[in-house]
C-alpha atoms as a PDB file:
ATOM      1  CA  UNK A   1      -4.714  17.674  -4.657  1.00  0.00           C
ATOM      2  CA  UNK A   2      -3.808  14.108  -5.620  1.00  0.00           C
ATOM      3  CA  UNK A   3      -6.409  12.382  -7.769  1.00  0.00           C
ATOM      4  CA  UNK A   4      -6.490   8.901  -6.290  1.00  0.00           C
ATOM      5  CA  UNK A   5      -9.882   7.979  -7.695  1.00  0.00           C
ATOM      6  CA  UNK A   6      -9.755   4.689  -9.547  1.00  0.00           C
ATOM      7  CA  UNK A   7     -12.002   5.943 -12.350  1.00  0.00           C
ATOM      8  CA  UNK A   8      -9.694   4.727 -15.101  1.00  0.00           C
ATOM      9  CA  UNK A   9      -9.973   1.411 -16.866  1.00  0.00           C
ATOM     10  CA  UNK A  10      -8.817  -1.089 -14.197  1.00  0.00           C
ATOM     11  CA  UNK A  11      -6.559  -2.671 -16.824  1.00  0.00           C
ATOM     12  CA  UNK A  12      -4.694   0.604 -17.251  1.00  0.00           C
ATOM     13  CA  UNK A  13      -1.544   1.052 -15.190  1.00  0.00           C
ATOM     14  CA  UNK A  14      -1.629   4.209 -13.065  1.00  0.00           C
ATOM     15  CA  UNK A  15       1.642   5.379 -11.518  1.00  0.00           C
ATOM     16  CA  UNK A  16       1.875   8.055  -8.831  1.00  0.00           C
ATOM     17  CA  UNK A  17       5.265   9.719  -8.528  1.00  0.00           C
ATOM     18  CA  UNK A  18       7.476  12.800  -8.633  1.00  0.00           C
ATOM     19  CA  UNK A  19       9.882  14.025 -11.321  1.00  0.00           C
ATOM     20  CA  UNK A  20      12.674  14.577  -8.758  1.00  0.00           C
ATOM     21  CA  UNK A  21      12.442  11.042  -7.357  1.00  0.00           C
ATOM     22  CA  UNK A  22      14.821   8.254  -8.415  1.00  0.00           C
ATOM     23  CA  UNK A  23      12.328   5.817  -6.918  1.00  0.00           C
ATOM     24  CA  UNK A  24       9.678   7.148  -9.315  1.00  0.00           C
ATOM     25  CA  UNK A  25      12.075   7.005 -12.252  1.00  0.00           C
ATOM     26  CA  UNK A  26      12.593   3.257 -11.934  1.00  0.00           C
ATOM     27  CA  UNK A  27       9.001   2.190 -12.757  1.00  0.00           C
ATOM     28  CA  UNK A  28       8.642   5.089 -15.206  1.00  0.00           C
ATOM     29  CA  UNK A  29      11.661   3.807 -17.111  1.00  0.00           C
ATOM     30  CA  UNK A  30      10.290   0.260 -17.065  1.00  0.00           C
ATOM     31  CA  UNK A  31       6.976   1.435 -18.507  1.00  0.00           C
ATOM     32  CA  UNK A  32       8.652   3.570 -21.160  1.00  0.00           C
ATOM     33  CA  UNK A  33      10.971   0.751 -22.227  1.00  0.00           C
ATOM     34  CA  UNK A  34       8.039  -1.665 -22.304  1.00  0.00           C
ATOM     35  CA  UNK A  35       6.025   0.618 -24.556  1.00  0.00           C
ATOM     36  CA  UNK A  36       2.801  -0.052 -22.659  1.00  0.00           C
ATOM     37  CA  UNK A  37       0.111   2.605 -22.161  1.00  0.00           C
ATOM     38  CA  UNK A  38      -0.158   4.054 -18.672  1.00  0.00           C
ATOM     39  CA  UNK A  39      -1.250   7.098 -16.705  1.00  0.00           C
ATOM     40  CA  UNK A  40       0.996   9.249 -14.549  1.00  0.00           C
ATOM     41  CA  UNK A  41      -0.303  11.125 -11.519  1.00  0.00           C
ATOM     42  CA  UNK A  42       2.099  13.671 -10.091  1.00  0.00           C
ATOM     43  CA  UNK A  43       2.728  13.923  -6.351  1.00  0.00           C
ATOM     44  CA  UNK A  44       4.407  17.228  -5.549  1.00  0.00           C
ATOM     45  CA  UNK A  45       6.906  16.460  -2.816  1.00  0.00           C
ATOM     46  CA  UNK A  46       7.867  20.108  -2.347  1.00  0.00           C
ATOM     47  CA  UNK A  47       4.355  21.027  -1.268  1.00  0.00           C
ATOM     48  CA  UNK A  48       3.998  17.927   0.893  1.00  0.00           C
ATOM     49  CA  UNK A  49       1.268  16.335  -1.200  1.00  0.00           C
ATOM     50  CA  UNK A  50       2.622  12.904  -0.285  1.00  0.00           C
ATOM     51  CA  UNK A  51       1.407  13.542   3.276  1.00  0.00           C
ATOM     52  CA  UNK A  52      -2.117  14.576   2.274  1.00  0.00           C
ATOM     53  CA  UNK A  53      -4.980  12.422   3.593  1.00  0.00           C
ATOM     54  CA  UNK A  54      -5.970  11.424   0.060  1.00  0.00           C
ATOM     55  CA  UNK A  55      -2.513  10.136  -0.795  1.00  0.00           C
ATOM     56  CA  UNK A  56      -1.919   8.536   2.606  1.00  0.00           C
ATOM     57  CA  UNK A  57      -5.078   6.516   2.004  1.00  0.00           C
ATOM     58  CA  UNK A  58      -3.301   5.132  -1.054  1.00  0.00           C
ATOM     59  CA  UNK A  59       0.211   4.831   0.387  1.00  0.00           C
ATOM     60  CA  UNK A  60       0.298   4.902   4.204  1.00  0.00           C
ATOM     61  CA  UNK A  61       4.073   5.546   4.207  1.00  0.00           C
ATOM     62  CA  UNK A  62       3.593   8.866   2.404  1.00  0.00           C
ATOM     63  CA  UNK A  63       6.196   7.973  -0.197  1.00  0.00           C
ATOM     64  CA  UNK A  64       6.439   7.713  -3.964  1.00  0.00           C
ATOM     65  CA  UNK A  65       5.958   5.791  -6.144  1.00  0.00           C
ATOM     66  CA  UNK A  66       2.630   3.996  -5.913  1.00  0.00           C
ATOM     67  CA  UNK A  67       1.098   1.837  -8.635  1.00  0.00           C
ATOM     68  CA  UNK A  68      -2.578   1.100  -9.161  1.00  0.00           C
ATOM     69  CA  UNK A  69      -3.584  -1.754 -11.467  1.00  0.00           C
ATOM     70  CA  UNK A  70      -6.484  -4.190 -11.651  1.00  0.00           C
ATOM     71  CA  UNK A  71      -7.807  -3.034  -8.294  1.00  0.00           C
ATOM     72  CA  UNK A  72      -4.433  -3.559  -6.616  1.00  0.00           C
ATOM     73  CA  UNK A  73      -2.227  -0.980  -4.929  1.00  0.00           C
ATOM     74  CA  UNK A  74       1.504  -1.739  -5.095  1.00  0.00           C
ATOM     75  CA  UNK A  75       4.124   0.360  -3.275  1.00  0.00           C
ATOM     76  CA  UNK A  76       7.949   0.460  -3.006  1.00  0.00           C
ATOM     77  CA  UNK A  77       9.795   0.919  -6.289  1.00  0.00           C
ATOM     78  CA  UNK A  78      11.484  -2.478  -6.484  1.00  0.00           C
ATOM     79  CA  UNK A  79       8.288  -4.312  -5.577  1.00  0.00           C
ATOM     80  CA  UNK A  80       6.586  -2.334  -8.338  1.00  0.00           C
ATOM     81  CA  UNK A  81       9.295  -3.414 -10.799  1.00  0.00           C
ATOM     82  CA  UNK A  82       8.720  -7.045  -9.828  1.00  0.00           C
ATOM     83  CA  UNK A  83       4.966  -6.614 -10.249  1.00  0.00           C
ATOM     84  CA  UNK A  84       5.347  -4.926 -13.631  1.00  0.00           C
ATOM     85  CA  UNK A  85       7.641  -7.693 -14.864  1.00  0.00           C
ATOM     86  CA  UNK A  86       4.983 -10.255 -13.991  1.00  0.00           C
ATOM     87  CA  UNK A  87       2.049  -8.189 -15.269  1.00  0.00           C
ATOM     88  CA  UNK A  88       3.629  -7.314 -18.618  1.00  0.00           C
ATOM     89  CA  UNK A  89       5.869 -10.309 -19.210  1.00  0.00           C
ATOM     90  CA  UNK A  90       8.803  -7.956 -19.819  1.00  0.00           C
ATOM     91  CA  UNK A  91      12.257  -7.669 -18.232  1.00  0.00           C
ATOM     92  CA  UNK A  92      11.670 -10.370 -15.652  1.00  0.00           C
ATOM     93  CA  UNK A  93      14.509 -12.612 -16.810  1.00  0.00           C
ATOM     94  CA  UNK A  94      14.255 -15.339 -19.425  1.00  0.00           C
ATOM     95  CA  UNK A  95      15.319 -18.274 -17.264  1.00  0.00           C
ATOM     96  CA  UNK A  96      14.299 -19.178 -13.740  1.00  0.00           C
ATOM     97  CA  UNK A  97      17.854 -18.538 -12.547  1.00  0.00           C
ATOM     98  CA  UNK A  98      17.843 -15.097 -14.181  1.00  0.00           C
ATOM     99  CA  UNK A  99      14.506 -14.245 -12.602  1.00  0.00           C
ATOM    100  CA  UNK A 100      15.827 -14.988  -9.122  1.00  0.00           C
ATOM    101  CA  UNK A 101      19.117 -13.223  -9.875  1.00  0.00           C
ATOM    102  CA  UNK A 102      17.277 -10.107 -11.025  1.00  0.00           C
ATOM    103  CA  UNK A 103      15.307  -9.972  -7.806  1.00  0.00           C
ATOM    104  CA  UNK A 104      18.471 -10.497  -5.777  1.00  0.00           C
ATOM    105  CA  UNK A 105      19.967  -7.469  -7.510  1.00  0.00           C
ATOM    106  CA  UNK A 106      16.907  -5.415  -6.546  1.00  0.00           C
ATOM    107  CA  UNK A 107      17.288  -6.456  -2.907  1.00  0.00           C
ATOM    108  CA  UNK A 108      20.976  -5.554  -2.992  1.00  0.00           C
ATOM    109  CA  UNK A 109      20.174  -2.229  -4.671  1.00  0.00           C
ATOM    110  CA  UNK A 110      17.917  -1.293  -1.779  1.00  0.00           C
ATOM    111  CA  UNK A 111      20.818  -1.831   0.628  1.00  0.00           C
ATOM    112  CA  UNK A 112      23.783  -0.553  -1.381  1.00  0.00           C
ATOM    113  CA  UNK A 113      22.946   1.639  -4.360  1.00  0.00           C
ATOM    114  CA  UNK A 114      20.497   3.583  -2.250  1.00  0.00           C
ATOM    115  CA  UNK A 115      23.587   5.261  -0.749  1.00  0.00           C
ATOM    116  CA  UNK A 116      23.952   7.113  -4.057  1.00  0.00           C
ATOM    117  CA  UNK A 117      20.518   8.605  -3.470  1.00  0.00           C
ATOM    118  CA  UNK A 118      21.610   9.710  -0.004  1.00  0.00           C
ATOM    119  CA  UNK A 119      24.763  11.366  -1.398  1.00  0.00           C
ATOM    120  CA  UNK A 120      22.698  13.124  -4.049  1.00  0.00           C
ATOM    121  CA  UNK A 121      20.150  14.287  -1.459  1.00  0.00           C
ATOM    122  CA  UNK A 122      22.794  15.666   0.904  1.00  0.00           C
ATOM    123  CA  UNK A 123      24.703  17.261  -1.968  1.00  0.00           C
ATOM    124  CA  UNK A 124      21.746  18.964  -3.637  1.00  0.00           C
ATOM    125  CA  UNK A 125      18.778  19.265  -1.315  1.00  0.00           C
ATOM    126  CA  UNK A 126      20.014  19.303   2.273  1.00  0.00           C
ATOM    127  CA  UNK A 127      23.125  20.633   3.975  1.00  0.00           C
ATOM    128  CA  UNK A 128      24.669  18.183   6.438  1.00  0.00           C
ATOM    129  CA  UNK A 129      27.780  17.919   8.535  1.00  0.00           C
ATOM    130  CA  UNK A 130      30.729  16.917   6.277  1.00  0.00           C
ATOM    131  CA  UNK A 131      31.132  13.811   8.411  1.00  0.00           C
ATOM    132  CA  UNK A 132      27.769  12.576   7.142  1.00  0.00           C
ATOM    133  CA  UNK A 133      28.864  12.863   3.524  1.00  0.00           C
ATOM    134  CA  UNK A 134      32.214  11.303   4.412  1.00  0.00           C
ATOM    135  CA  UNK A 135      30.310   8.289   5.710  1.00  0.00           C
ATOM    136  CA  UNK A 136      27.940   7.800   2.771  1.00  0.00           C
ATOM    137  CA  UNK A 137      30.235   8.653  -0.156  1.00  0.00           C
ATOM    138  CA  UNK A 138      32.509   5.571   0.247  1.00  0.00           C
ATOM    139  CA  UNK A 139      29.423   3.371   0.512  1.00  0.00           C
ATOM    140  CA  UNK A 140      28.053   4.822  -2.722  1.00  0.00           C
ATOM    141  CA  UNK A 141      31.375   4.371  -4.477  1.00  0.00           C
ATOM    142  CA  UNK A 142      31.671   0.785  -3.221  1.00  0.00           C
ATOM    143  CA  UNK A 143      28.273  -0.014  -4.722  1.00  0.00           C
ATOM    144  CA  UNK A 144      29.401   1.362  -8.068  1.00  0.00           C
ATOM    145  CA  UNK A 145      32.570  -0.744  -7.776  1.00  0.00           C
ATOM    146  CA  UNK A 146      30.426  -3.887  -7.462  1.00  0.00           C
ATOM    147  CA  UNK A 147      28.427  -3.096 -10.586  1.00  0.00           C
ATOM    148  CA  UNK A 148      31.563  -2.220 -12.530  1.00  0.00           C
ATOM    149  CA  UNK A 149      33.281  -5.484 -11.544  1.00  0.00           C
ATOM    150  CA  UNK A 150      30.189  -7.475 -12.463  1.00  0.00           C
ATOM    151  CA  UNK A 151      30.215  -5.991 -15.950  1.00  0.00           C
ATOM    152  CA  UNK A 152      33.979  -6.368 -16.359  1.00  0.00           C
ATOM    153  CA  UNK A 153      33.732  -9.992 -17.525  1.00  0.00           C
ATOM    154  CA  UNK A 154      32.213  -8.940 -20.838  1.00  0.00           C
ATOM    155  CA  UNK A 155      28.562  -9.368 -19.951  1.00  0.00           C
ATOM    156  CA  UNK A 156      26.179  -6.747 -21.331  1.00  0.00           C
ATOM    157  CA  UNK A 157      23.565  -6.946 -18.555  1.00  0.00           C
ATOM    158  CA  UNK A 158      23.665  -7.612 -14.836  1.00  0.00           C
ATOM    159  CA  UNK A 159      22.105 -11.073 -14.784  1.00  0.00           C
ATOM    160  CA  UNK A 160      24.288 -12.231 -17.671  1.00  0.00           C
ATOM    161  CA  UNK A 161      21.564 -12.743 -20.272  1.00  0.00           C
ATOM    162  CA  UNK A 162      21.389 -11.163 -23.718  1.00  0.00           C
ATOM    163  CA  UNK A 163      18.598  -8.806 -22.716  1.00  0.00           C
ATOM    164  CA  UNK A 164      18.167  -6.277 -19.887  1.00  0.00           C
ATOM    165  CA  UNK A 165      16.060  -7.081 -16.853  1.00  0.00           C
ATOM    166  CA  UNK A 166      14.520  -5.339 -13.873  1.00  0.00           C
ATOM    167  CA  UNK A 167      17.983  -5.656 -12.290  1.00  0.00           C
ATOM    168  CA  UNK A 168      19.394  -3.223 -14.847  1.00  0.00           C
ATOM    169  CA  UNK A 169      16.386  -0.910 -14.676  1.00  0.00           C
ATOM    170  CA  UNK A 170      16.329  -0.862 -10.879  1.00  0.00           C
ATOM    171  CA  UNK A 171      20.041  -0.320 -10.401  1.00  0.00           C
ATOM    172  CA  UNK A 172      20.391   2.305 -13.123  1.00  0.00           C
ATOM    173  CA  UNK A 173      17.234   4.052 -11.943  1.00  0.00           C
ATOM    174  CA  UNK A 174      18.963   4.861  -8.668  1.00  0.00           C
ATOM    175  CA  UNK A 175      22.412   5.520 -10.136  1.00  0.00           C
ATOM    176  CA  UNK A 176      21.169   7.952 -12.746  1.00  0.00           C
ATOM    177  CA  UNK A 177      21.434  10.907 -10.371  1.00  0.00           C
ATOM    178  CA  UNK A 178      25.041  10.182  -9.358  1.00  0.00           C
ATOM    179  CA  UNK A 179      26.329  13.338 -11.067  1.00  0.00           C
ATOM    180  CA  UNK A 180      24.004  15.402  -8.854  1.00  0.00           C
ATOM    181  CA  UNK A 181      25.869  13.899  -5.905  1.00  0.00           C
ATOM    182  CA  UNK A 182      29.243  14.881  -7.325  1.00  0.00           C
ATOM    183  CA  UNK A 183      30.063  11.360  -8.564  1.00  0.00           C
ATOM    184  CA  UNK A 184      31.583  11.089 -12.061  1.00  0.00           C
ATOM    185  CA  UNK A 185      30.484   7.990 -13.988  1.00  0.00           C
ATOM    186  CA  UNK A 186      33.674   7.939 -16.105  1.00  0.00           C
ATOM    187  CA  UNK A 187      35.529   6.517 -13.089  1.00  0.00           C
ATOM    188  CA  UNK A 188      33.765   3.203 -13.790  1.00  0.00           C
ATOM    189  CA  UNK A 189      34.301   2.407 -17.496  1.00  0.00           C
ATOM    190  CA  UNK A 190      32.378  -0.889 -17.587  1.00  0.00           C
ATOM    191  CA  UNK A 191      29.442   0.719 -15.813  1.00  0.00           C
ATOM    192  CA  UNK A 192      29.579   3.660 -18.211  1.00  0.00           C
ATOM    193  CA  UNK A 193      29.398   1.360 -21.259  1.00  0.00           C
ATOM    194  CA  UNK A 194      26.447  -0.458 -19.657  1.00  0.00           C
ATOM    195  CA  UNK A 195      24.692   2.883 -19.153  1.00  0.00           C
ATOM    196  CA  UNK A 196      25.214   3.655 -22.842  1.00  0.00           C
ATOM    197  CA  UNK A 197      23.664   0.324 -23.800  1.00  0.00           C
ATOM    198  CA  UNK A 198      20.640   1.187 -21.693  1.00  0.00           C
ATOM    199  CA  UNK A 199      20.428   4.617 -23.329  1.00  0.00           C
ATOM    200  CA  UNK A 200      20.308   2.949 -26.758  1.00  0.00           C
ATOM    201  CA  UNK A 201      17.166   0.965 -25.916  1.00  0.00           C
ATOM    202  CA  UNK A 202      13.902   2.117 -27.563  1.00  0.00           C
ATOM    203  CA  UNK A 203      11.892   4.137 -25.071  1.00  0.00           C
ATOM    204  CA  UNK A 204      14.848   5.136 -22.904  1.00  0.00           C
ATOM    205  CA  UNK A 205      14.886   8.652 -21.481  1.00  0.00           C
ATOM    206  CA  UNK A 206      16.582  10.398 -18.589  1.00  0.00           C
ATOM    207  CA  UNK A 207      14.445  11.356 -15.574  1.00  0.00           C
ATOM    208  CA  UNK A 208      13.833  15.029 -16.296  1.00  0.00           C
ATOM    209  CA  UNK A 209      12.936  14.181 -19.901  1.00  0.00           C
ATOM    210  CA  UNK A 210      10.702  11.265 -18.973  1.00  0.00           C
ATOM    211  CA  UNK A 211       8.813  12.194 -15.811  1.00  0.00           C
ATOM    212  CA  UNK A 212       6.277  15.000 -16.277  1.00  0.00           C
ATOM    213  CA  UNK A 213       5.612  17.711 -13.714  1.00  0.00           C
ATOM    214  CA  UNK A 214       1.862  17.273 -14.041  1.00  0.00           C
ATOM    215  CA  UNK A 215      -0.614  14.487 -14.658  1.00  0.00           C
ATOM    216  CA  UNK A 216      -0.144  12.875 -18.060  1.00  0.00           C
ATOM    217  CA  UNK A 217      -1.380  10.033 -20.221  1.00  0.00           C
ATOM    218  CA  UNK A 218       1.098   7.841 -22.094  1.00  0.00           C
ATOM    219  CA  UNK A 219      -0.402   6.043 -25.062  1.00  0.00           C
ATOM    220  CA  UNK A 220       2.415   3.552 -25.463  1.00  0.00           C
ATOM    221  CA  UNK A 221       5.017   2.775 -28.086  1.00  0.00           C
ATOM    222  CA  UNK A 222       2.656   2.940 -31.054  1.00  0.00           C
ATOM    223  CA  UNK A 223       0.736   6.002 -29.961  1.00  0.00           C
ATOM    224  CA  UNK A 224       1.405   9.602 -29.127  1.00  0.00           C
ATOM    225  CA  UNK A 225       1.992  10.812 -25.602  1.00  0.00           C
ATOM    226  CA  UNK A 226      -0.501  13.304 -24.278  1.00  0.00           C
ATOM    227  CA  UNK A 227      -0.723  15.586 -21.270  1.00  0.00           C
END
């Protein structure tokens, strides 16, 4: 059963998601990097909990993630990243140009990098005709080419500022599972160095280390995690 009751402090961020979901990882990574306290509510996709009446009342698409905060319900991972950037004042971009650029990257990610998620899904979770993989693999690789070229000019982060933004979190959050799709990151050296820079940030963790399999409370950077 999914606990969708809004009994928590309305100021506390409550994220619903699944530990196998790259879409869930993106806001989880944002929250961990931000060091803010939040609650995690697990939605077991294997048992179909995302299609339960209780969860559908929260997210009518039956998808993860979903965010609850201040009486609002926010869905779709990149929209959640945008909301979190505004709500926390973190990773939104320091200049107006960077803020718009970061959101453009998120829009592009939803069109292009999402092909990596498809390759991973067909490689690990679902057998498909080889022609299907032959269609999506070049699209996934082309998306990685774009990121690698962007970082080839010496910039550390995607929008060109000295600090990461939701562009980096959103794009990496989908790419992180590329190895599970049979894609080797070492083929893109600039992208690989960027991934290492992300991994060096305080609060960074990979999906299976970060996302719990059951409900949990995260106290934030200066507290101890519980649950």
